[in-house]
Amino acid sequence: MKNLFTFELSEDPQLTDDQYTLNANPDIYVQVCMFGGYAVGEYKESTGMMYDHGMFELQSHAFAKAIELNAANV
């Protein structure tokens, strides 16, 4: 499942977290939270807003949610 995402290392870890971007839709991402867990987010260009789709303890669950979001958008 990890091969469906591209890892992006934070340029400034004090300001932003590392993240995995979904290759099929770069507007969907999994943020690697500094204090543990993974946040799934989505940017919608039509509204110019970021949407939170939940926090997950396991990376695999966050990845599954991101893939599910992309399938719903197709």
PDB file of N, CA and C in Angstrom:
ATOM      1  N   MET A   1       0.832  -1.194   0.000  1.00  0.00           N
ATOM      2  CA  MET A   1       0.000   0.000   0.000  1.00  0.00           C
ATOM      3  C   MET A   1       0.875   1.256   0.000  1.00  0.00           C
ATOM      4  N   LYS A   2       2.024   1.190   0.639  1.00  0.00           N
ATOM      5  CA  LYS A   2       2.911   2.345   0.743  1.00  0.00           C
ATOM      6  C   LYS A   2       3.365   2.842  -0.625  1.00  0.00           C
ATOM      7  N   ASN A   3       3.412   1.945  -1.612  1.00  0.00           N
ATOM      8  CA  ASN A   3       3.863   2.332  -2.948  1.00  0.00           C
ATOM      9  C   ASN A   3       2.847   3.209  -3.678  1.00  0.00           C
ATOM     10  N   LEU A   4       1.657   3.366  -3.128  1.00  0.00           N
ATOM     11  CA  LEU A   4       0.634   4.240  -3.709  1.00  0.00           C
ATOM     12  C   LEU A   4       0.813   5.693  -3.286  1.00  0.00           C
ATOM     13  N   PHE A   5       1.793   5.937  -2.409  1.00  0.00           N
ATOM     14  CA  PHE A   5       2.017   7.262  -1.844  1.00  0.00           C
ATOM     15  C   PHE A   5       3.464   7.702  -2.069  1.00  0.00           C
ATOM     16  N   THR A   6       3.673   9.009  -2.072  1.00  0.00           N
ATOM     17  CA  THR A   6       5.015   9.582  -2.139  1.00  0.00           C
ATOM     18  C   THR A   6       5.290  10.284  -0.815  1.00  0.00           C
ATOM     19  N   PHE A   7       6.397   9.925  -0.179  1.00  0.00           N
ATOM     20  CA  PHE A   7       6.771  10.534   1.097  1.00  0.00           C
ATOM     21  C   PHE A   7       7.396  11.900   0.853  1.00  0.00           C
ATOM     22  N   GLU A   8       6.961  12.886   1.624  1.00  0.00           N
ATOM     23  CA  GLU A   8       7.491  14.241   1.539  1.00  0.00           C
ATOM     24  C   GLU A   8       8.029  14.650   2.907  1.00  0.00           C
ATOM     25  N   LEU A   9       9.326  14.812   2.976  1.00  0.00           N
ATOM     26  CA  LEU A   9       9.989  15.215   4.207  1.00  0.00           C
ATOM     27  C   LEU A   9       9.767  16.697   4.448  1.00  0.00           C
ATOM     28  N   SER A  10       9.412  17.065   5.659  1.00  0.00           N
ATOM     29  CA  SER A  10       9.206  18.464   6.008  1.00  0.00           C
ATOM     30  C   SER A  10      10.509  19.250   5.872  1.00  0.00           C
ATOM     31  N   GLU A  11      10.416  20.428   5.285  1.00  0.00           N
ATOM     32  CA  GLU A  11      11.584  21.299   5.175  1.00  0.00           C
ATOM     33  C   GLU A  11      11.873  22.004   6.497  1.00  0.00           C
ATOM     34  N   ASP A  12      10.843  22.151   7.325  1.00  0.00           N
ATOM     35  CA  ASP A  12      11.004  22.791   8.631  1.00  0.00           C
ATOM     36  C   ASP A  12      10.141  22.056   9.656  1.00  0.00           C
ATOM     37  N   PRO A  13      10.691  21.011  10.301  1.00  0.00           N
ATOM     38  CA  PRO A  13       9.906  20.175  11.222  1.00  0.00           C
ATOM     39  C   PRO A  13       9.290  20.924  12.409  1.00  0.00           C
ATOM     40  N   GLN A  14       9.776  22.120  12.695  1.00  0.00           N
ATOM     41  CA  GLN A  14       9.164  22.883  13.791  1.00  0.00           C
ATOM     42  C   GLN A  14       7.871  23.567  13.349  1.00  0.00           C
ATOM     43  N   LEU A  15       7.677  23.674  12.033  1.00  0.00           N
ATOM     44  CA  LEU A  15       6.471  24.325  11.517  1.00  0.00           C
ATOM     45  C   LEU A  15       5.502  23.361  10.843  1.00  0.00           C
ATOM     46  N   THR A  16       6.032  22.364  10.153  1.00  0.00           N
ATOM     47  CA  THR A  16       5.172  21.432   9.421  1.00  0.00           C
ATOM     48  C   THR A  16       5.620  19.993   9.649  1.00  0.00           C
ATOM     49  N   ASP A  17       4.693  19.076   9.468  1.00  0.00           N
ATOM     50  CA  ASP A  17       4.979  17.651   9.623  1.00  0.00           C
ATOM     51  C   ASP A  17       5.324  17.030   8.267  1.00  0.00           C
ATOM     52  N   ASP A  18       5.991  15.887   8.328  1.00  0.00           N
ATOM     53  CA  ASP A  18       6.192  15.086   7.121  1.00  0.00           C
ATOM     54  C   ASP A  18       4.818  14.609   6.657  1.00  0.00           C
ATOM     55  N   GLN A  19       4.734  14.225   5.386  1.00  0.00           N
ATOM     56  CA  GLN A  19       3.465  13.694   4.912  1.00  0.00           C
ATOM     57  C   GLN A  19       3.670  12.738   3.751  1.00  0.00           C
ATOM     58  N   TYR A  20       2.648  11.919   3.532  1.00  0.00           N
ATOM     59  CA  TYR A  20       2.572  11.036   2.379  1.00  0.00           C
ATOM     60  C   TYR A  20       1.472  11.588   1.481  1.00  0.00           C
ATOM     61  N   THR A  21       1.778  11.801   0.215  1.00  0.00           N
ATOM     62  CA  THR A  21       0.792  12.286  -0.740  1.00  0.00           C
ATOM     63  C   THR A  21       0.345  11.123  -1.618  1.00  0.00           C
ATOM     64  N   LEU A  22      -0.957  11.017  -1.813  1.00  0.00           N
ATOM     65  CA  LEU A  22      -1.511   9.947  -2.644  1.00  0.00           C
ATOM     66  C   LEU A  22      -1.144  10.209  -4.098  1.00  0.00           C
ATOM     67  N   ASN A  23      -0.462   9.261  -4.729  1.00  0.00           N
ATOM     68  CA  ASN A  23      -0.009   9.444  -6.114  1.00  0.00           C
ATOM     69  C   ASN A  23      -1.162   9.660  -7.085  1.00  0.00           C
ATOM     70  N   ALA A  24      -2.272   8.984  -6.880  1.00  0.00           N
ATOM     71  CA  ALA A  24      -3.420   9.090  -7.779  1.00  0.00           C
ATOM     72  C   ALA A  24      -4.152  10.420  -7.656  1.00  0.00           C
ATOM     73  N   ASN A  25      -3.968  11.102  -6.523  1.00  0.00           N
ATOM     74  CA  ASN A  25      -4.630  12.393  -6.297  1.00  0.00           C
ATOM     75  C   ASN A  25      -3.802  13.175  -5.280  1.00  0.00           C
ATOM     76  N   PRO A  26      -2.924  14.062  -5.742  1.00  0.00           N
ATOM     77  CA  PRO A  26      -2.039  14.781  -4.830  1.00  0.00           C
ATOM     78  C   PRO A  26      -2.741  15.753  -3.881  1.00  0.00           C
ATOM     79  N   ASP A  27      -4.061  15.919  -4.030  1.00  0.00           N
ATOM     80  CA  ASP A  27      -4.811  16.756  -3.093  1.00  0.00           C
ATOM     81  C   ASP A  27      -5.195  15.998  -1.827  1.00  0.00           C
ATOM     82  N   ILE A  28      -4.927  14.693  -1.800  1.00  0.00           N
ATOM     83  CA  ILE A  28      -5.211  13.864  -0.624  1.00  0.00           C
ATOM     84  C   ILE A  28      -3.877  13.442  -0.018  1.00  0.00           C
ATOM     85  N   TYR A  29      -3.762  13.616   1.293  1.00  0.00           N
ATOM     86  CA  TYR A  29      -2.475  13.347   1.942  1.00  0.00           C
ATOM     87  C   TYR A  29      -2.675  12.743   3.327  1.00  0.00           C
ATOM     88  N   VAL A  30      -1.608  12.124   3.824  1.00  0.00           N
ATOM     89  CA  VAL A  30      -1.571  11.575   5.179  1.00  0.00           C
ATOM     90  C   VAL A  30      -0.423  12.285   5.900  1.00  0.00           C
ATOM     91  N   GLN A  31      -0.786  13.059   6.888  1.00  0.00           N
ATOM     92  CA  GLN A  31       0.192  13.817   7.672  1.00  0.00           C
ATOM     93  C   GLN A  31       0.745  12.940   8.790  1.00  0.00           C
ATOM     94  N   VAL A  32       2.063  12.915   8.931  1.00  0.00           N
ATOM     95  CA  VAL A  32       2.723  12.157   9.994  1.00  0.00           C
ATOM     96  C   VAL A  32       2.847  13.101  11.188  1.00  0.00           C
ATOM     97  N   CYS A  33       1.999  12.929  12.185  1.00  0.00           N
ATOM     98  CA  CYS A  33       1.946  13.857  13.314  1.00  0.00           C
ATOM     99  C   CYS A  33       3.149  13.672  14.242  1.00  0.00           C
ATOM    100  N   MET A  34       3.731  14.768  14.645  1.00  0.00           N
ATOM    101  CA  MET A  34       4.949  14.763  15.446  1.00  0.00           C
ATOM    102  C   MET A  34       4.798  13.967  16.746  1.00  0.00           C
ATOM    103  N   PHE A  35       3.638  14.028  17.358  1.00  0.00           N
ATOM    104  CA  PHE A  35       3.453  13.369  18.650  1.00  0.00           C
ATOM    105  C   PHE A  35       2.726  12.036  18.537  1.00  0.00           C
ATOM    106  N   GLY A  36       2.702  11.483  17.320  1.00  0.00           N
ATOM    107  CA  GLY A  36       2.102  10.175  17.105  1.00  0.00           C
ATOM    108  C   GLY A  36       0.812  10.244  16.326  1.00  0.00           C
ATOM    109  N   GLY A  37       0.597   9.248  15.537  1.00  0.00           N
ATOM    110  CA  GLY A  37      -0.628   9.159  14.765  1.00  0.00           C
ATOM    111  C   GLY A  37      -0.485   9.756  13.375  1.00  0.00           C
ATOM    112  N   TYR A  38      -1.560   9.614  12.633  1.00  0.00           N
ATOM    113  CA  TYR A  38      -1.600  10.045  11.237  1.00  0.00           C
ATOM    114  C   TYR A  38      -2.923  10.757  10.973  1.00  0.00           C
ATOM    115  N   ALA A  39      -2.855  11.920  10.356  1.00  0.00           N
ATOM    116  CA  ALA A  39      -4.049  12.693  10.022  1.00  0.00           C
ATOM    117  C   ALA A  39      -4.268  12.637   8.517  1.00  0.00           C
ATOM    118  N   VAL A  40      -5.497  12.359   8.113  1.00  0.00           N
ATOM    119  CA  VAL A  40      -5.835  12.328   6.694  1.00  0.00           C
ATOM    120  C   VAL A  40      -6.493  13.654   6.339  1.00  0.00           C
ATOM    121  N   GLY A  41      -5.992  14.285   5.290  1.00  0.00           N
ATOM    122  CA  GLY A  41      -6.523  15.568   4.865  1.00  0.00           C
ATOM    123  C   GLY A  41      -6.711  15.616   3.363  1.00  0.00           C
ATOM    124  N   GLU A  42      -7.469  16.615   2.944  1.00  0.00           N
ATOM    125  CA  GLU A  42      -7.756  16.785   1.523  1.00  0.00           C
ATOM    126  C   GLU A  42      -7.888  18.268   1.224  1.00  0.00           C
ATOM    127  N   TYR A  43      -7.281  18.699   0.134  1.00  0.00           N
ATOM    128  CA  TYR A  43      -7.420  20.068  -0.339  1.00  0.00           C
ATOM    129  C   TYR A  43      -8.405  20.067  -1.498  1.00  0.00           C
ATOM    130  N   LYS A  44      -9.409  20.936  -1.411  1.00  0.00           N
ATOM    131  CA  LYS A  44     -10.382  21.055  -2.501  1.00  0.00           C
ATOM    132  C   LYS A  44     -10.191  22.406  -3.167  1.00  0.00           C
ATOM    133  N   GLU A  45      -9.697  22.360  -4.390  1.00  0.00           N
ATOM    134  CA  GLU A  45      -9.415  23.589  -5.127  1.00  0.00           C
ATOM    135  C   GLU A  45     -10.684  24.403  -5.353  1.00  0.00           C
ATOM    136  N   SER A  46     -11.813  23.734  -5.531  1.00  0.00           N
ATOM    137  CA  SER A  46     -13.073  24.429  -5.810  1.00  0.00           C
ATOM    138  C   SER A  46     -13.485  25.362  -4.676  1.00  0.00           C
ATOM    139  N   THR A  47     -13.113  25.016  -3.455  1.00  0.00           N
ATOM    140  CA  THR A  47     -13.456  25.862  -2.301  1.00  0.00           C
ATOM    141  C   THR A  47     -12.236  26.568  -1.729  1.00  0.00           C
ATOM    142  N   GLY A  48     -11.043  26.104  -2.125  1.00  0.00           N
ATOM    143  CA  GLY A  48      -9.813  26.675  -1.580  1.00  0.00           C
ATOM    144  C   GLY A  48      -9.603  26.308  -0.123  1.00  0.00           C
ATOM    145  N   MET A  49     -10.226  25.219   0.314  1.00  0.00           N
ATOM    146  CA  MET A  49     -10.155  24.836   1.724  1.00  0.00           C
ATOM    147  C   MET A  49      -9.538  23.461   1.905  1.00  0.00           C
ATOM    148  N   MET A  50      -8.988  23.257   3.105  1.00  0.00           N
ATOM    149  CA  MET A  50      -8.456  21.961   3.524  1.00  0.00           C
ATOM    150  C   MET A  50      -9.524  21.290   4.391  1.00  0.00           C
ATOM    151  N   TYR A  51      -9.697  19.987   4.201  1.00  0.00           N
ATOM    152  CA  TYR A  51     -10.680  19.227   4.970  1.00  0.00           C
ATOM    153  C   TYR A  51      -9.982  18.115   5.744  1.00  0.00           C
ATOM    154  N   ASP A  52     -10.374  17.978   7.002  1.00  0.00           N
ATOM    155  CA  ASP A  52      -9.830  16.943   7.882  1.00  0.00           C
ATOM    156  C   ASP A  52     -10.730  15.716   7.787  1.00  0.00           C
ATOM    157  N   HIS A  53     -10.113  14.568   7.566  1.00  0.00           N
ATOM    158  CA  HIS A  53     -10.877  13.324   7.454  1.00  0.00           C
ATOM    159  C   HIS A  53     -10.513  12.325   8.540  1.00  0.00           C
ATOM    160  N   GLY A  54      -9.965  12.811   9.632  1.00  0.00           N
ATOM    161  CA  GLY A  54      -9.752  11.957  10.780  1.00  0.00           C
ATOM    162  C   GLY A  54      -8.301  11.689  11.141  1.00  0.00           C
ATOM    163  N   MET A  55      -8.129  11.252  12.384  1.00  0.00           N
ATOM    164  CA  MET A  55      -6.835  10.854  12.941  1.00  0.00           C
ATOM    165  C   MET A  55      -6.838   9.344  13.106  1.00  0.00           C
ATOM    166  N   PHE A  56      -5.680   8.743  12.846  1.00  0.00           N
ATOM    167  CA  PHE A  56      -5.552   7.293  12.929  1.00  0.00           C
ATOM    168  C   PHE A  56      -4.267   6.939  13.657  1.00  0.00           C
ATOM    169  N   GLU A  57      -4.333   5.923  14.506  1.00  0.00           N
ATOM    170  CA  GLU A  57      -3.139   5.459  15.208  1.00  0.00           C
ATOM    171  C   GLU A  57      -2.214   4.681  14.286  1.00  0.00           C
ATOM    172  N   LEU A  58      -2.805   3.949  13.353  1.00  0.00           N
ATOM    173  CA  LEU A  58      -2.018   3.107  12.458  1.00  0.00           C
ATOM    174  C   LEU A  58      -1.910   3.725  11.073  1.00  0.00           C
ATOM    175  N   GLN A  59      -0.704   3.699  10.528  1.00  0.00           N
ATOM    176  CA  GLN A  59      -0.466   4.230   9.192  1.00  0.00           C
ATOM    177  C   GLN A  59      -1.333   3.525   8.158  1.00  0.00           C
ATOM    178  N   SER A  60      -1.467   2.215   8.278  1.00  0.00           N
ATOM    179  CA  SER A  60      -2.247   1.452   7.300  1.00  0.00           C
ATOM    180  C   SER A  60      -3.706   1.891   7.275  1.00  0.00           C
ATOM    181  N   HIS A  61      -4.267   2.264   8.423  1.00  0.00           N
ATOM    182  CA  HIS A  61      -5.653   2.726   8.474  1.00  0.00           C
ATOM    183  C   HIS A  61      -5.785   4.102   7.820  1.00  0.00           C
ATOM    184  N   ALA A  62      -4.801   4.961   8.031  1.00  0.00           N
ATOM    185  CA  ALA A  62      -4.808   6.282   7.400  1.00  0.00           C
ATOM    186  C   ALA A  62      -4.679   6.148   5.887  1.00  0.00           C
ATOM    187  N   PHE A  63      -3.799   5.277   5.437  1.00  0.00           N
ATOM    188  CA  PHE A  63      -3.645   5.047   4.002  1.00  0.00           C
ATOM    189  C   PHE A  63      -4.955   4.527   3.400  1.00  0.00           C
ATOM    190  N   ALA A  64      -5.605   3.600   4.089  1.00  0.00           N
ATOM    191  CA  ALA A  64      -6.869   3.043   3.598  1.00  0.00           C
ATOM    192  C   ALA A  64      -7.931   4.135   3.474  1.00  0.00           C
ATOM    193  N   LYS A  65      -7.992   5.034   4.439  1.00  0.00           N
ATOM    194  CA  LYS A  65      -8.938   6.142   4.399  1.00  0.00           C
ATOM    195  C   LYS A  65      -8.649   7.060   3.213  1.00  0.00           C
ATOM    196  N   ALA A  66      -7.387   7.364   2.972  1.00  0.00           N
ATOM    197  CA  ALA A  66      -7.008   8.223   1.846  1.00  0.00           C
ATOM    198  C   ALA A  66      -7.419   7.580   0.528  1.00  0.00           C
ATOM    199  N   ILE A  67      -7.197   6.295   0.397  1.00  0.00           N
ATOM    200  CA  ILE A  67      -7.563   5.578  -0.830  1.00  0.00           C
ATOM    201  C   ILE A  67      -9.077   5.560  -0.993  1.00  0.00           C
ATOM    202  N   GLU A  68      -9.805   5.371   0.095  1.00  0.00           N
ATOM    203  CA  GLU A  68     -11.267   5.386   0.089  1.00  0.00           C
ATOM    204  C   GLU A  68     -11.783   6.767  -0.366  1.00  0.00           C
ATOM    205  N   LEU A  69     -11.176   7.828   0.144  1.00  0.00           N
ATOM    206  CA  LEU A  69     -11.577   9.191  -0.255  1.00  0.00           C
ATOM    207  C   LEU A  69     -11.396   9.387  -1.754  1.00  0.00           C
ATOM    208  N   ASN A  70     -10.276   8.938  -2.275  1.00  0.00           N
ATOM    209  CA  ASN A  70     -10.015   9.086  -3.695  1.00  0.00           C
ATOM    210  C   ASN A  70     -11.039   8.325  -4.523  1.00  0.00           C
ATOM    211  N   ALA A  71     -11.395   7.126  -4.100  1.00  0.00           N
ATOM    212  CA  ALA A  71     -12.383   6.323  -4.819  1.00  0.00           C
ATOM    213  C   ALA A  71     -13.744   7.024  -4.829  1.00  0.00           C
ATOM    214  N   ALA A  72     -14.082   7.699  -3.737  1.00  0.00           N
ATOM    215  CA  ALA A  72     -15.357   8.412  -3.647  1.00  0.00           C
ATOM    216  C   ALA A  72     -15.379   9.649  -4.545  1.00  0.00           C
ATOM    217  N   ASN A  73     -14.200  10.189  -4.830  1.00  0.00           N
ATOM    218  CA  ASN A  73     -14.102  11.402  -5.659  1.00  0.00           C
ATOM    219  C   ASN A  73     -14.060  11.107  -7.153  1.00  0.00           C
ATOM    220  N   VAL A  74     -13.912   9.850  -7.504  1.00  0.00           N
ATOM    221  CA  VAL A  74     -13.761   9.512  -8.936  1.00  0.00           C
ATOM    222  C   VAL A  74     -15.088   9.410  -9.620  1.00  0.00           C
TER     223      VAL A  74
END
